[in-house]
């Protein structure tokens, strides 16, 4: 576990360095309602009551999102319900992997492919619940041809999420980093 954790943290650091070096434009911070997220300049951040979606301005098929809402049940039950819904909504849905990411907090993830208007897409969704009454999700998607390159930008965007903690200043939820670091151990949508 120790070697894996060190390797995963090193991978996250490389993702952040690569993503910031791969865009000549600087990163900016977008905020709303006590939450903030960093993303490359020119990307769109759309805030809603439940969270935020960040997408590439010239290619909105490349996006990542964080949301939180009420849900009764486990993270695995949420992922199963989400996949049932997606089977009716997405063309050629193919689940590549489903697995528990952590027990505390209860985090479950799924990696899948689908077609969006004839474009083969890869996506990852992580669902987390601490009380089985509320769920938070982190997800990203990109065309399969760009998936490996774009996840090196999308993951650091999700890792940058911060919120105002009452009486504690700004910070990222501790489960944010653990869940996303662990998801880096999953193979990519292209199977590499």
N, C-alpha and C. Protein backbone atom coordinates (compact mmCIF):
# COMPACT_ATOMS: atom_id res chain seq x y z
N UNK A 1 0.82 -1.19 0.00
CA UNK A 1 0.00 0.00 0.00
C UNK A 1 0.86 1.25 0.00
N UNK A 2 1.97 1.25 0.75
CA UNK A 2 2.84 2.42 0.82
C UNK A 2 3.47 2.74 -0.52
N UNK A 3 3.98 1.71 -1.23
CA UNK A 3 4.57 1.93 -2.55
C UNK A 3 3.54 2.45 -3.53
N UNK A 4 2.33 1.86 -3.48
CA UNK A 4 1.27 2.29 -4.37
C UNK A 4 0.91 3.75 -4.13
N UNK A 5 0.79 4.14 -2.86
CA UNK A 5 0.42 5.51 -2.51
C UNK A 5 1.47 6.49 -3.01
N UNK A 6 2.75 6.18 -2.79
CA UNK A 6 3.83 7.06 -3.25
C UNK A 6 3.80 7.17 -4.76
N UNK A 7 3.61 6.05 -5.43
CA UNK A 7 3.54 6.05 -6.89
C UNK A 7 2.36 6.87 -7.39
N UNK A 8 1.21 6.72 -6.74
CA UNK A 8 0.01 7.46 -7.14
C UNK A 8 0.20 8.95 -6.92
N UNK A 9 0.78 9.35 -5.79
CA UNK A 9 1.01 10.77 -5.52
C UNK A 9 1.99 11.34 -6.55
N UNK A 10 3.03 10.58 -6.89
CA UNK A 10 3.99 11.03 -7.91
C UNK A 10 3.28 11.20 -9.26
N UNK A 11 2.37 10.29 -9.58
CA UNK A 11 1.62 10.40 -10.83
C UNK A 11 0.76 11.64 -10.85
N UNK A 12 0.09 11.95 -9.72
CA UNK A 12 -0.72 13.17 -9.63
C UNK A 12 0.15 14.41 -9.84
N UNK A 13 1.31 14.42 -9.20
CA UNK A 13 2.22 15.57 -9.35
C UNK A 13 2.63 15.73 -10.82
N UNK A 14 2.93 14.63 -11.48
CA UNK A 14 3.29 14.69 -12.90
C UNK A 14 2.11 15.17 -13.75
N UNK A 15 0.90 14.73 -13.40
CA UNK A 15 -0.29 15.18 -14.12
C UNK A 15 -0.42 16.70 -14.03
N UNK A 16 -0.24 17.22 -12.82
CA UNK A 16 -0.38 18.66 -12.61
C UNK A 16 0.70 19.41 -13.39
N UNK A 17 1.94 18.96 -13.30
CA UNK A 17 3.03 19.61 -14.03
C UNK A 17 2.80 19.55 -15.53
N UNK A 18 2.41 18.37 -16.04
CA UNK A 18 2.18 18.21 -17.47
C UNK A 18 1.05 19.10 -17.94
N UNK A 19 -0.05 19.11 -17.17
CA UNK A 19 -1.22 19.87 -17.61
C UNK A 19 -0.92 21.36 -17.65
N UNK A 20 -0.16 21.86 -16.68
CA UNK A 20 0.14 23.29 -16.68
C UNK A 20 1.17 23.62 -17.74
N UNK A 21 2.07 22.71 -18.04
CA UNK A 21 3.07 22.96 -19.08
C UNK A 21 2.51 22.78 -20.47
N UNK A 22 1.47 21.96 -20.61
CA UNK A 22 0.95 21.66 -21.94
C UNK A 22 0.04 22.77 -22.48
N UNK A 23 -0.34 23.72 -21.67
CA UNK A 23 -1.14 24.84 -22.11
C UNK A 23 -0.34 26.11 -21.95
N UNK A 24 -0.20 26.84 -23.05
CA UNK A 24 0.58 28.06 -22.98
C UNK A 24 -0.17 29.12 -22.16
N UNK A 25 -1.49 29.06 -22.18
CA UNK A 25 -2.27 30.00 -21.39
C UNK A 25 -2.21 29.59 -19.92
N UNK A 26 -2.26 30.55 -19.06
CA UNK A 26 -2.21 30.25 -17.62
C UNK A 26 -3.54 29.69 -17.14
N UNK A 27 -3.48 29.11 -15.97
CA UNK A 27 -4.69 28.61 -15.35
C UNK A 27 -5.35 29.74 -14.58
N UNK A 28 -6.66 29.68 -14.47
CA UNK A 28 -7.44 30.67 -13.74
C UNK A 28 -8.29 29.97 -12.70
N UNK A 29 -8.78 30.73 -11.75
CA UNK A 29 -9.67 30.18 -10.73
C UNK A 29 -11.07 30.70 -10.96
N UNK A 30 -12.03 29.80 -10.92
CA UNK A 30 -13.44 30.15 -11.02
C UNK A 30 -14.09 29.79 -9.69
N UNK A 31 -14.97 30.64 -9.19
CA UNK A 31 -15.57 30.35 -7.89
C UNK A 31 -17.05 30.71 -7.90
N UNK A 32 -17.76 30.08 -6.96
CA UNK A 32 -19.20 30.30 -6.81
C UNK A 32 -19.64 29.69 -5.49
N UNK A 33 -20.39 30.41 -4.70
CA UNK A 33 -21.01 29.88 -3.49
C UNK A 33 -20.06 29.20 -2.52
N UNK A 34 -18.87 29.74 -2.33
CA UNK A 34 -17.92 29.16 -1.38
C UNK A 34 -17.07 28.04 -1.95
N UNK A 35 -17.22 27.72 -3.22
CA UNK A 35 -16.39 26.71 -3.86
C UNK A 35 -15.56 27.37 -4.96
N UNK A 36 -14.40 26.78 -5.23
CA UNK A 36 -13.59 27.28 -6.34
C UNK A 36 -12.91 26.10 -7.02
N UNK A 37 -12.55 26.32 -8.28
CA UNK A 37 -11.87 25.30 -9.07
C UNK A 37 -10.93 26.01 -10.04
N UNK A 38 -9.78 25.41 -10.28
CA UNK A 38 -8.81 25.98 -11.22
C UNK A 38 -8.90 25.21 -12.54
N UNK A 39 -8.72 25.95 -13.65
CA UNK A 39 -8.78 25.34 -14.97
C UNK A 39 -8.01 26.21 -15.96
N UNK A 40 -7.64 25.65 -17.12
CA UNK A 40 -6.93 26.46 -18.12
C UNK A 40 -7.78 27.65 -18.56
N UNK A 41 -7.11 28.77 -18.78
CA UNK A 41 -7.79 29.98 -19.27
C UNK A 41 -8.50 29.63 -20.58
N UNK A 42 -9.71 30.12 -20.74
CA UNK A 42 -10.48 29.87 -21.95
C UNK A 42 -11.42 28.67 -21.84
N UNK A 43 -11.26 27.87 -20.81
CA UNK A 43 -12.21 26.77 -20.60
C UNK A 43 -13.45 27.34 -19.92
N UNK A 44 -14.57 26.67 -20.08
CA UNK A 44 -15.83 27.13 -19.50
C UNK A 44 -16.10 26.42 -18.19
N UNK A 45 -16.43 27.18 -17.16
CA UNK A 45 -16.86 26.62 -15.87
C UNK A 45 -18.32 27.02 -15.68
N UNK A 46 -19.20 26.03 -15.60
CA UNK A 46 -20.62 26.28 -15.42
C UNK A 46 -21.01 25.79 -14.03
N UNK A 47 -21.39 26.74 -13.18
CA UNK A 47 -21.75 26.43 -11.79
C UNK A 47 -23.24 26.23 -11.70
N UNK A 48 -23.63 25.24 -10.94
CA UNK A 48 -25.03 25.00 -10.63
C UNK A 48 -25.16 24.80 -9.14
N UNK A 49 -26.36 24.68 -8.66
CA UNK A 49 -26.59 24.47 -7.23
C UNK A 49 -25.83 23.25 -6.70
N UNK A 50 -25.77 22.19 -7.50
CA UNK A 50 -25.19 20.93 -7.05
C UNK A 50 -23.69 20.81 -7.31
N UNK A 51 -23.08 21.72 -8.09
CA UNK A 51 -21.66 21.58 -8.37
C UNK A 51 -21.20 22.40 -9.56
N UNK A 52 -20.21 21.85 -10.29
CA UNK A 52 -19.61 22.59 -11.39
C UNK A 52 -19.21 21.62 -12.50
N UNK A 53 -19.32 22.09 -13.74
CA UNK A 53 -18.80 21.36 -14.89
C UNK A 53 -17.82 22.27 -15.60
N UNK A 54 -16.64 21.75 -15.92
CA UNK A 54 -15.61 22.50 -16.64
C UNK A 54 -15.40 21.80 -17.97
N UNK A 55 -15.46 22.57 -19.07
CA UNK A 55 -15.29 21.97 -20.39
C UNK A 55 -14.37 22.83 -21.25
N UNK A 56 -13.74 22.16 -22.20
CA UNK A 56 -12.86 22.86 -23.12
C UNK A 56 -13.75 23.67 -24.07
N UNK A 57 -13.44 24.94 -24.24
CA UNK A 57 -14.31 25.84 -25.02
C UNK A 57 -14.44 25.41 -26.47
N UNK A 58 -13.36 24.99 -27.11
CA UNK A 58 -13.44 24.64 -28.53
C UNK A 58 -13.81 23.19 -28.77
N UNK A 59 -13.92 22.38 -27.71
CA UNK A 59 -14.35 20.99 -27.85
C UNK A 59 -15.08 20.56 -26.57
N UNK A 60 -16.39 20.86 -26.48
CA UNK A 60 -17.13 20.57 -25.25
C UNK A 60 -17.31 19.08 -24.96
N UNK A 61 -16.83 18.19 -25.85
CA UNK A 61 -16.86 16.75 -25.52
C UNK A 61 -15.77 16.41 -24.51
N UNK A 62 -14.87 17.36 -24.24
CA UNK A 62 -13.83 17.18 -23.22
C UNK A 62 -14.28 17.97 -21.99
N UNK A 63 -14.62 17.24 -20.92
CA UNK A 63 -15.18 17.91 -19.74
C UNK A 63 -14.88 17.10 -18.48
N UNK A 64 -15.02 17.78 -17.34
CA UNK A 64 -14.99 17.13 -16.04
C UNK A 64 -16.02 17.83 -15.17
N UNK A 65 -16.49 17.12 -14.13
CA UNK A 65 -17.54 17.70 -13.30
C UNK A 65 -17.46 17.18 -11.88
N UNK A 66 -17.91 18.01 -10.96
CA UNK A 66 -18.09 17.64 -9.56
C UNK A 66 -19.51 18.01 -9.20
N UNK A 67 -20.23 17.10 -8.54
CA UNK A 67 -21.57 17.43 -8.06
C UNK A 67 -21.85 16.68 -6.78
N UNK A 68 -22.78 17.21 -6.02
CA UNK A 68 -23.18 16.59 -4.76
C UNK A 68 -24.68 16.76 -4.62
N UNK A 69 -25.35 15.71 -4.12
CA UNK A 69 -26.79 15.76 -3.97
C UNK A 69 -27.24 14.66 -3.04
N UNK A 70 -28.53 14.66 -2.69
CA UNK A 70 -29.06 13.65 -1.78
C UNK A 70 -29.20 12.32 -2.51
N UNK A 71 -28.82 11.24 -1.82
CA UNK A 71 -28.92 9.89 -2.37
C UNK A 71 -29.00 8.93 -1.20
N UNK A 72 -29.95 8.04 -1.19
CA UNK A 72 -30.09 7.03 -0.15
C UNK A 72 -29.43 5.74 -0.64
N UNK A 73 -28.32 5.35 -0.03
CA UNK A 73 -27.68 4.10 -0.39
C UNK A 73 -26.17 4.21 -0.45
N UNK A 74 -25.57 3.12 -0.93
CA UNK A 74 -24.12 3.05 -1.02
C UNK A 74 -23.62 3.66 -2.33
N UNK A 75 -22.33 3.88 -2.40
CA UNK A 75 -21.72 4.40 -3.63
C UNK A 75 -21.89 3.39 -4.77
N UNK A 76 -21.75 2.10 -4.47
CA UNK A 76 -21.92 1.07 -5.50
C UNK A 76 -23.36 1.06 -6.02
N UNK A 77 -24.33 1.21 -5.15
CA UNK A 77 -25.72 1.27 -5.59
C UNK A 77 -25.95 2.48 -6.50
N UNK A 78 -25.31 3.60 -6.16
CA UNK A 78 -25.44 4.78 -7.01
C UNK A 78 -24.86 4.50 -8.41
N UNK A 79 -23.66 3.93 -8.47
CA UNK A 79 -23.03 3.64 -9.77
C UNK A 79 -23.91 2.68 -10.58
N UNK A 80 -24.47 1.67 -9.93
CA UNK A 80 -25.35 0.73 -10.64
C UNK A 80 -26.58 1.43 -11.20
N UNK A 81 -27.18 2.33 -10.41
CA UNK A 81 -28.34 3.10 -10.87
C UNK A 81 -27.95 4.03 -12.02
N UNK A 82 -26.78 4.65 -11.90
CA UNK A 82 -26.30 5.53 -12.97
C UNK A 82 -26.11 4.76 -14.27
N UNK A 83 -25.50 3.57 -14.18
CA UNK A 83 -25.30 2.76 -15.38
C UNK A 83 -26.62 2.32 -15.98
N UNK A 84 -27.60 1.98 -15.15
CA UNK A 84 -28.93 1.64 -15.67
C UNK A 84 -29.51 2.80 -16.46
N UNK A 85 -29.36 4.00 -15.92
CA UNK A 85 -29.84 5.20 -16.61
C UNK A 85 -29.07 5.42 -17.91
N UNK A 86 -27.73 5.31 -17.85
CA UNK A 86 -26.90 5.52 -19.03
C UNK A 86 -27.19 4.52 -20.14
N UNK A 87 -27.58 3.29 -19.79
CA UNK A 87 -27.88 2.27 -20.81
C UNK A 87 -29.01 2.74 -21.72
N UNK A 88 -29.92 3.56 -21.18
CA UNK A 88 -31.02 4.11 -21.98
C UNK A 88 -30.65 5.40 -22.69
N UNK A 89 -29.58 6.07 -22.23
CA UNK A 89 -29.23 7.39 -22.74
C UNK A 89 -28.03 7.40 -23.69
N UNK A 90 -27.08 6.49 -23.51
CA UNK A 90 -25.83 6.52 -24.26
C UNK A 90 -25.77 5.39 -25.28
N UNK A 91 -25.26 5.69 -26.46
CA UNK A 91 -25.12 4.68 -27.51
C UNK A 91 -23.89 3.81 -27.25
N UNK A 92 -24.03 2.53 -27.47
CA UNK A 92 -22.91 1.58 -27.39
C UNK A 92 -22.16 1.64 -26.06
N UNK A 93 -22.88 1.79 -24.96
CA UNK A 93 -22.25 1.81 -23.64
C UNK A 93 -21.56 0.48 -23.38
N UNK A 94 -20.29 0.57 -22.99
CA UNK A 94 -19.51 -0.62 -22.67
C UNK A 94 -18.75 -0.36 -21.37
N UNK A 95 -19.10 -1.08 -20.32
CA UNK A 95 -18.42 -0.93 -19.03
C UNK A 95 -17.09 -1.66 -19.10
N UNK A 96 -16.00 -0.95 -18.84
CA UNK A 96 -14.67 -1.54 -18.88
C UNK A 96 -14.26 -2.05 -17.50
N UNK A 97 -14.67 -1.32 -16.45
CA UNK A 97 -14.29 -1.73 -15.11
C UNK A 97 -15.16 -1.03 -14.08
N UNK A 98 -15.59 -1.78 -13.07
CA UNK A 98 -16.27 -1.23 -11.90
C UNK A 98 -15.52 -1.76 -10.70
N UNK A 99 -15.28 -0.87 -9.71
CA UNK A 99 -14.60 -1.37 -8.52
C UNK A 99 -14.71 -0.39 -7.37
N UNK A 100 -14.56 -0.97 -6.17
CA UNK A 100 -14.51 -0.16 -4.95
C UNK A 100 -13.16 0.53 -4.91
N UNK A 101 -13.16 1.82 -4.64
CA UNK A 101 -11.93 2.59 -4.53
C UNK A 101 -11.51 2.68 -3.06
N UNK A 102 -12.49 2.88 -2.17
CA UNK A 102 -12.18 2.89 -0.74
C UNK A 102 -13.43 2.55 0.05
N UNK A 103 -13.22 2.06 1.27
CA UNK A 103 -14.33 1.75 2.17
C UNK A 103 -14.72 2.96 3.01
N UNK A 104 -13.72 3.75 3.43
CA UNK A 104 -13.97 4.95 4.23
C UNK A 104 -13.22 6.11 3.63
N UNK A 105 -13.88 7.05 3.02
CA UNK A 105 -15.31 7.05 2.76
C UNK A 105 -15.67 6.03 1.68
N UNK A 106 -16.92 5.63 1.65
CA UNK A 106 -17.43 4.67 0.68
C UNK A 106 -17.33 5.28 -0.72
N UNK A 107 -16.37 4.80 -1.51
CA UNK A 107 -16.14 5.33 -2.87
C UNK A 107 -16.10 4.18 -3.84
N UNK A 108 -16.86 4.33 -4.91
CA UNK A 108 -16.95 3.30 -5.94
C UNK A 108 -16.80 3.99 -7.29
N UNK A 109 -16.14 3.33 -8.24
CA UNK A 109 -15.89 3.94 -9.53
C UNK A 109 -16.25 3.04 -10.69
N UNK A 110 -16.47 3.66 -11.83
CA UNK A 110 -16.73 2.92 -13.06
C UNK A 110 -16.02 3.63 -14.21
N UNK A 111 -15.45 2.84 -15.08
CA UNK A 111 -14.79 3.33 -16.29
C UNK A 111 -15.53 2.70 -17.46
N UNK A 112 -15.92 3.51 -18.46
CA UNK A 112 -16.72 2.99 -19.55
C UNK A 112 -16.47 3.78 -20.84
N UNK A 113 -16.93 3.20 -21.94
CA UNK A 113 -16.87 3.88 -23.24
C UNK A 113 -18.29 3.97 -23.78
N UNK A 114 -18.50 4.89 -24.71
CA UNK A 114 -19.79 5.06 -25.37
C UNK A 114 -19.57 5.88 -26.62
N UNK A 115 -20.60 6.04 -27.43
CA UNK A 115 -20.54 6.88 -28.62
C UNK A 115 -21.42 8.09 -28.42
N UNK A 116 -20.89 9.25 -28.73
CA UNK A 116 -21.65 10.50 -28.67
C UNK A 116 -21.64 11.10 -30.06
N UNK A 117 -22.76 11.03 -30.74
CA UNK A 117 -22.87 11.54 -32.11
C UNK A 117 -21.77 10.96 -33.01
N UNK A 118 -21.52 9.66 -32.86
CA UNK A 118 -20.53 8.98 -33.69
C UNK A 118 -19.09 9.11 -33.21
N UNK A 119 -18.87 9.80 -32.10
CA UNK A 119 -17.52 9.98 -31.57
C UNK A 119 -17.33 8.98 -30.43
N UNK A 120 -16.36 8.05 -30.54
CA UNK A 120 -16.09 7.14 -29.43
C UNK A 120 -15.52 7.92 -28.24
N UNK A 121 -16.16 7.76 -27.09
CA UNK A 121 -15.80 8.50 -25.89
C UNK A 121 -15.37 7.55 -24.78
N UNK A 122 -14.47 8.04 -23.91
CA UNK A 122 -14.10 7.33 -22.69
C UNK A 122 -14.50 8.19 -21.51
N UNK A 123 -14.90 7.55 -20.41
CA UNK A 123 -15.34 8.30 -19.25
C UNK A 123 -15.05 7.53 -17.97
N UNK A 124 -14.92 8.28 -16.88
CA UNK A 124 -14.74 7.71 -15.55
C UNK A 124 -15.65 8.47 -14.59
N UNK A 125 -16.33 7.75 -13.71
CA UNK A 125 -17.17 8.36 -12.68
C UNK A 125 -16.80 7.75 -11.35
N UNK A 126 -16.55 8.60 -10.35
CA UNK A 126 -16.34 8.17 -8.97
C UNK A 126 -17.49 8.71 -8.13
N UNK A 127 -18.06 7.85 -7.31
CA UNK A 127 -19.14 8.27 -6.41
C UNK A 127 -18.68 8.03 -4.97
N UNK A 128 -18.93 9.00 -4.11
CA UNK A 128 -18.52 8.91 -2.71
C UNK A 128 -19.67 9.29 -1.79
N UNK A 129 -19.86 8.49 -0.74
CA UNK A 129 -20.82 8.84 0.30
C UNK A 129 -20.20 8.52 1.66
N UNK A 130 -20.45 9.40 2.61
CA UNK A 130 -19.97 9.16 3.97
C UNK A 130 -21.11 8.78 4.90
N UNK A 131 -22.34 9.14 4.52
CA UNK A 131 -23.47 8.92 5.42
C UNK A 131 -24.62 8.15 4.78
N UNK A 132 -24.46 7.72 3.53
CA UNK A 132 -25.50 7.02 2.77
C UNK A 132 -26.78 7.84 2.63
N UNK A 133 -26.64 9.16 2.79
CA UNK A 133 -27.77 10.06 2.59
C UNK A 133 -27.43 11.11 1.53
N UNK A 134 -26.14 11.32 1.32
CA UNK A 134 -25.66 12.30 0.34
C UNK A 134 -24.55 11.63 -0.48
N UNK A 135 -24.44 12.03 -1.73
CA UNK A 135 -23.42 11.46 -2.61
C UNK A 135 -22.70 12.60 -3.31
N UNK A 136 -21.42 12.43 -3.53
CA UNK A 136 -20.70 13.38 -4.37
C UNK A 136 -20.08 12.57 -5.52
N UNK A 137 -20.05 13.19 -6.68
CA UNK A 137 -19.48 12.52 -7.85
C UNK A 137 -18.40 13.38 -8.46
N UNK A 138 -17.40 12.72 -8.99
CA UNK A 138 -16.36 13.34 -9.79
C UNK A 138 -16.31 12.54 -11.07
N UNK A 139 -16.33 13.22 -12.19
CA UNK A 139 -16.36 12.50 -13.45
C UNK A 139 -15.63 13.29 -14.52
N UNK A 140 -15.18 12.57 -15.53
CA UNK A 140 -14.61 13.24 -16.69
C UNK A 140 -14.83 12.38 -17.92
N UNK A 141 -14.76 13.03 -19.08
CA UNK A 141 -14.94 12.34 -20.36
C UNK A 141 -14.15 13.07 -21.43
N UNK A 142 -13.73 12.29 -22.42
CA UNK A 142 -13.02 12.85 -23.57
C UNK A 142 -13.12 11.83 -24.70
N UNK A 143 -12.99 12.29 -25.94
CA UNK A 143 -12.93 11.34 -27.05
C UNK A 143 -11.78 10.36 -26.81
N UNK A 144 -12.00 9.09 -27.14
CA UNK A 144 -10.98 8.07 -26.87
C UNK A 144 -9.64 8.44 -27.49
N UNK A 145 -9.65 9.05 -28.67
CA UNK A 145 -8.37 9.40 -29.31
C UNK A 145 -7.57 10.42 -28.50
N UNK A 146 -8.24 11.21 -27.66
CA UNK A 146 -7.59 12.23 -26.83
C UNK A 146 -7.59 11.88 -25.34
N UNK A 147 -8.17 10.75 -24.98
CA UNK A 147 -8.44 10.43 -23.58
C UNK A 147 -7.18 10.43 -22.71
N UNK A 148 -6.15 9.73 -23.13
CA UNK A 148 -4.94 9.64 -22.31
C UNK A 148 -4.31 11.00 -22.08
N UNK A 149 -4.27 11.82 -23.11
CA UNK A 149 -3.68 13.16 -22.98
C UNK A 149 -4.57 14.06 -22.13
N UNK A 150 -5.87 14.02 -22.36
CA UNK A 150 -6.77 14.94 -21.68
C UNK A 150 -6.99 14.60 -20.21
N UNK A 151 -6.89 13.32 -19.82
CA UNK A 151 -7.08 13.02 -18.40
C UNK A 151 -5.95 13.65 -17.57
N UNK A 152 -4.81 13.94 -18.21
CA UNK A 152 -3.71 14.61 -17.51
C UNK A 152 -4.03 16.08 -17.22
N UNK A 153 -5.06 16.60 -17.86
CA UNK A 153 -5.55 17.95 -17.58
C UNK A 153 -6.80 17.89 -16.70
N UNK A 154 -7.68 16.94 -17.00
CA UNK A 154 -8.97 16.86 -16.30
C UNK A 154 -8.80 16.47 -14.82
N UNK A 155 -7.90 15.54 -14.54
CA UNK A 155 -7.69 15.13 -13.15
C UNK A 155 -7.17 16.29 -12.30
N UNK A 156 -6.15 17.06 -12.76
CA UNK A 156 -5.72 18.21 -11.95
C UNK A 156 -6.81 19.26 -11.75
N UNK A 157 -7.70 19.41 -12.74
CA UNK A 157 -8.82 20.34 -12.54
C UNK A 157 -9.67 19.86 -11.37
N UNK A 158 -10.03 18.57 -11.37
CA UNK A 158 -10.84 18.04 -10.27
C UNK A 158 -10.10 18.09 -8.94
N UNK A 159 -8.79 17.86 -8.96
CA UNK A 159 -8.00 17.93 -7.73
C UNK A 159 -7.93 19.34 -7.16
N UNK A 160 -8.13 20.35 -8.01
CA UNK A 160 -8.02 21.73 -7.54
C UNK A 160 -9.27 22.22 -6.82
N UNK A 161 -10.34 21.44 -6.82
CA UNK A 161 -11.59 21.85 -6.18
C UNK A 161 -11.36 22.19 -4.72
N UNK A 162 -11.83 23.36 -4.32
CA UNK A 162 -11.73 23.81 -2.92
C UNK A 162 -13.07 24.37 -2.50
N UNK A 163 -13.29 24.39 -1.21
CA UNK A 163 -14.52 24.96 -0.68
C UNK A 163 -14.22 25.64 0.65
N UNK A 164 -15.12 26.53 1.04
CA UNK A 164 -14.98 27.24 2.31
C UNK A 164 -15.43 26.32 3.42
N UNK A 165 -14.53 26.01 4.34
CA UNK A 165 -14.88 25.24 5.52
C UNK A 165 -15.23 26.22 6.63
N UNK A 166 -16.32 26.00 7.27
CA UNK A 166 -16.75 26.90 8.33
C UNK A 166 -15.69 26.92 9.43
N UNK A 167 -15.12 28.10 9.67
CA UNK A 167 -14.15 28.28 10.73
C UNK A 167 -12.77 27.70 10.44
N UNK A 168 -12.53 27.15 9.26
CA UNK A 168 -11.25 26.51 8.98
C UNK A 168 -10.55 27.08 7.75
N UNK A 169 -11.15 28.04 7.05
CA UNK A 169 -10.53 28.56 5.85
C UNK A 169 -10.77 27.65 4.66
N UNK A 170 -9.96 27.85 3.62
CA UNK A 170 -10.17 27.10 2.38
C UNK A 170 -9.46 25.76 2.44
N UNK A 171 -10.05 24.78 1.79
CA UNK A 171 -9.42 23.47 1.74
C UNK A 171 -10.16 22.55 0.80
N UNK A 172 -9.53 21.46 0.46
CA UNK A 172 -10.17 20.44 -0.36
C UNK A 172 -10.65 19.33 0.56
N UNK A 173 -11.80 18.74 0.28
CA UNK A 173 -12.23 17.62 1.12
C UNK A 173 -11.17 16.53 1.08
N UNK A 174 -10.79 15.95 2.22
CA UNK A 174 -9.73 14.96 2.24
C UNK A 174 -10.00 13.78 1.33
N UNK A 175 -11.26 13.35 1.19
CA UNK A 175 -11.55 12.22 0.34
C UNK A 175 -11.37 12.55 -1.14
N UNK A 176 -11.40 13.82 -1.49
CA UNK A 176 -11.16 14.21 -2.88
C UNK A 176 -9.85 13.65 -3.41
N UNK A 177 -8.77 13.94 -2.71
CA UNK A 177 -7.45 13.53 -3.16
C UNK A 177 -7.30 12.01 -3.12
N UNK A 178 -7.72 11.41 -2.03
CA UNK A 178 -7.58 9.95 -1.93
C UNK A 178 -8.32 9.25 -3.06
N UNK A 179 -9.57 9.64 -3.33
CA UNK A 179 -10.36 8.98 -4.37
C UNK A 179 -9.74 9.17 -5.74
N UNK A 180 -9.33 10.38 -6.04
CA UNK A 180 -8.77 10.62 -7.37
C UNK A 180 -7.40 10.00 -7.54
N UNK A 181 -6.60 9.99 -6.49
CA UNK A 181 -5.29 9.33 -6.57
C UNK A 181 -5.49 7.85 -6.84
N UNK A 182 -6.43 7.23 -6.15
CA UNK A 182 -6.67 5.81 -6.37
C UNK A 182 -7.21 5.54 -7.76
N UNK A 183 -8.01 6.45 -8.31
CA UNK A 183 -8.55 6.20 -9.64
C UNK A 183 -7.46 6.22 -10.69
N UNK A 184 -6.34 6.83 -10.40
CA UNK A 184 -5.24 6.84 -11.37
C UNK A 184 -4.68 5.44 -11.59
N UNK A 185 -4.92 4.53 -10.68
CA UNK A 185 -4.47 3.16 -10.85
C UNK A 185 -5.31 2.38 -11.86
N UNK A 186 -6.47 2.91 -12.24
CA UNK A 186 -7.30 2.24 -13.22
C UNK A 186 -6.69 2.38 -14.61
N UNK A 187 -6.76 1.36 -15.45
CA UNK A 187 -6.28 1.51 -16.83
C UNK A 187 -7.10 2.57 -17.55
N UNK A 188 -6.55 3.12 -18.62
CA UNK A 188 -7.25 4.14 -19.38
C UNK A 188 -8.32 3.52 -20.26
N UNK A 189 -9.16 4.35 -20.85
CA UNK A 189 -10.23 3.87 -21.71
C UNK A 189 -9.67 3.16 -22.95
N UNK A 190 -8.46 3.48 -23.32
CA UNK A 190 -7.88 2.84 -24.50
C UNK A 190 -7.24 1.51 -24.13
N UNK A 191 -7.26 1.16 -22.85
CA UNK A 191 -6.74 -0.12 -22.41
C UNK A 191 -5.26 -0.15 -22.15
N UNK A 192 -4.60 1.00 -22.21
CA UNK A 192 -3.14 1.06 -21.98
C UNK A 192 -2.84 1.28 -20.54
